[in-house]
Amino acid sequence: MTTTVSAPATRTYDSTRVYQDGITAGVLAAVAVALWFLVFDSVRGRPLYTPTVLGTALFGRGASLAPLEATPVSGAMVLMFTWVHGLVFAVLGGIAARLLAVAERFPHVGFGILLLFVIFEACFTVAVYLIAAPVLHALTWPAVLVANLLAAAVMGAYLWRRHPALHVEP
């Protein structure tokens, strides 16, 4: 009786599956952030305040950022910002899924990918603080930090489940 030992099977993703996973993760993270700010704004007595402020800052066509606290809720700004927000998160999810697919094929780059994520988050936070300080002041930085951590957790949890080859066995 002979026994053959085969090499461990590696899970391979085709590029379509990788990007579908990424888009799904990104949309889930965008929804989590939107729900967080809806609850946060509602508790403060101004539902939809955050997407209105961000939409005004992004699409305000020359509107001043100084009186953001007095910005009235605008359905058009909420819809335009929500659309862009979802697209940006879908792209970020696609990038994250692609990087995880690379980490599955080449496990030694996993730490580098994690470090890249941490650096990206830090640079994003500093850039927002430097470029859009009035927006960050109007939204309060702790709420933005919670939103970023929530998005990272939702996206990470979804992708972690979709990439079992990355799990460390005891």
Foldseek 3Di string as FASTA:
>chain_A
DDDDDDDDDADADDLVVLLVLLLVLLQQLLVQLLVLQQVVCVVVPHGQLLQQLVLCVVVVVPDDLQVSLPRHRDPVSNVVSSVVSSVVSSVVSSVLSVVVSVCSVPVVCVVVSVVVVVVVVVVVVVCCCVPPVSSCVSSPVVSVVVSVVSSCVSSVVSSCVVRVSNDDDD
